[in-house]
Protein backbone atom coordinates (compact mmCIF):
# COMPACT_ATOMS: atom_id res chain seq x y z
CA SER A 1 -20.18 2.90 4.63
CA ARG A 2 -18.78 5.97 2.63
CA GLY A 3 -15.11 4.85 3.51
CA ALA A 4 -12.26 5.66 5.41
CA ARG A 5 -10.05 8.51 4.88
CA PHE A 6 -6.49 8.74 5.92
CA ASP A 7 -5.29 11.14 3.30
CA ARG A 8 -2.07 12.92 4.43
CA ALA A 9 -2.11 11.18 7.74
CA THR A 10 1.27 10.77 9.40
CA PHE A 11 1.62 7.49 11.49
CA SER A 12 4.65 8.00 13.73
CA GLY A 13 5.09 4.40 15.00
CA ASP A 14 3.97 1.00 13.83
CA VAL A 15 0.50 0.91 12.67
CA GLU A 16 -1.57 -2.43 12.42
CA PHE A 17 -4.62 -2.71 10.17
CA GLY A 18 -4.60 -6.51 10.22
CA GLY A 19 -7.93 -8.21 10.04
CA ALA A 20 -9.50 -4.86 9.68
CA THR A 21 -12.50 -4.76 7.05
CA PHE A 22 -12.91 -1.51 4.96
CA SER A 23 -16.69 -1.76 3.78
CA GLY A 24 -16.31 1.34 1.56
CA ARG A 25 -13.31 3.00 -0.27
CA ALA A 26 -10.23 3.36 1.83
CA TRP A 27 -7.91 6.28 1.05
CA PHE A 28 -4.32 6.65 2.33
CA GLY A 29 -3.28 8.99 -0.40
CA GLU A 30 -0.12 11.15 0.61
CA ALA A 31 -0.10 9.25 3.98
CA THR A 32 3.17 8.82 5.68
CA PHE A 33 4.06 5.61 7.59
CA ASN A 34 7.16 6.14 9.67
CA GLY A 35 7.15 2.71 11.33
CA ASP A 36 6.02 -0.52 10.08
CA ALA A 37 2.59 -0.74 8.37
CA GLY A 38 0.76 -3.97 8.59
CA PHE A 39 -2.37 -4.70 6.52
CA GLY A 40 -2.17 -8.43 6.59
CA GLY A 41 -5.44 -10.07 6.55
CA ALA A 42 -7.33 -6.87 5.86
CA THR A 43 -10.32 -6.95 3.70
CA PHE A 44 -11.10 -3.99 1.06
CA SER A 45 -14.60 -4.31 -0.14
CA ASP A 46 -14.17 -1.36 -2.37
CA ARG A 47 -11.26 0.61 -3.92
CA ALA A 48 -8.15 1.20 -1.83
CA TRP A 49 -5.89 4.22 -2.77
CA PHE A 50 -2.39 4.55 -1.41
CA GLY A 51 -1.38 7.26 -4.21
CA GLU A 52 1.81 9.17 -3.19
CA ALA A 53 1.98 7.57 0.23
CA THR A 54 5.50 7.04 1.87
CA PHE A 55 6.45 3.88 3.55
CA ASN A 56 9.61 4.62 5.80
CA GLY A 57 9.36 1.35 7.53
CA GLY A 58 8.04 -2.20 6.43
CA ALA A 59 4.95 -2.62 4.60
CA GLY A 60 3.06 -5.77 4.91
CA PHE A 61 0.00 -6.62 2.63
CA GLY A 62 0.15 -10.52 2.76
CA TRP A 63 -3.22 -12.28 2.79
CA VAL A 64 -5.13 -9.09 1.96
CA THR A 65 -8.50 -9.61 0.18
CA PHE A 66 -9.47 -7.22 -2.26
CA GLU A 67 -13.09 -8.04 -3.07
CA ARG A 68 -13.33 -6.13 -6.35
CA GLY A 69 -9.95 -7.81 -7.65
CA PRO A 70 -6.57 -6.65 -8.19
CA ASN A 71 -7.51 -3.54 -10.20
CA SER A 72 -9.18 -2.07 -6.97
CA ILE A 73 -5.92 -0.94 -5.48
CA SER A 74 -3.48 1.81 -6.46
CA PHE A 75 0.02 2.43 -5.38
CA VAL A 76 0.63 5.24 -8.01
CA GLY A 77 3.62 7.30 -6.89
CA VAL A 78 4.21 5.41 -3.71
CA VAL A 79 7.53 6.04 -2.35
CA ILE A 80 9.61 3.42 -0.34
CA GLY A 81 12.08 4.76 2.19
CA SER A 82 14.30 1.69 2.27
CA SER A 83 14.41 -1.76 0.54
CA ASP A 84 16.29 -3.13 3.77
CA ASN A 85 12.93 -3.08 5.48
CA HIS A 86 10.52 -6.22 5.22
CA HIS A 87 8.07 -5.67 2.56
CA VAL A 88 5.09 -8.02 1.42
CA TRP A 89 3.13 -6.46 -1.45
CA PRO A 90 -0.24 -7.78 -2.62
CA GLU A 91 0.03 -10.49 -5.39
CA GLY A 92 0.87 -8.86 -8.68
CA TRP A 93 2.89 -5.97 -7.11
CA GLN A 94 6.66 -5.43 -6.51
CA LEU A 95 9.32 -2.84 -5.84
CA GLN A 96 10.99 -1.16 -8.52
CA ASP A 97 13.64 1.68 -8.89
CA ASN A 98 11.82 4.68 -10.24
CA GLY A 99 14.74 5.93 -12.18
CA THR A 100 15.83 8.54 -9.45
CA GLY A 101 17.36 6.01 -7.09
CA ARG A 102 14.15 5.85 -5.06
CA LEU A 103 11.89 2.76 -4.88
CA THR A 104 8.17 2.62 -5.65
CA VAL A 105 5.58 -0.15 -5.93
CA VAL A 106 4.47 -1.23 -9.54
CA ARG A 107 2.25 -3.89 -11.03
CA THR A 108 4.27 -6.85 -12.19
CA ASP A 109 2.40 -6.75 -15.30
CA ASP A 110 3.86 -3.22 -16.17
CA ILE A 111 7.30 -4.54 -15.54
CA THR A 112 6.97 -7.43 -17.78
CA SER A 113 5.31 -5.50 -20.66
CA GLN A 114 8.30 -3.19 -20.99
């Protein structure tokens, strides 16, 4: 498959991709998730891009499989609406204040090397 494109999509309510298999690349760049976004149990066979996406509700990435390894996902520029929501990020990723009072998602390795 060529992949799935959800670039600039707006999800108004809760969305559940749990158990889905993305056999090609998956793009969620600049997507807005206004409700909870569940990806738990999903499989990404190729790269997954969430660059500059906004999560206004909870985000769940527990038990996600990245067949190309941890470097095949990107959360560059992601904005988190509130740390009060329940968030589960893939192993090796966590929330961090981006210096402007907003939260973003960063690699744990990036924090420990600072």
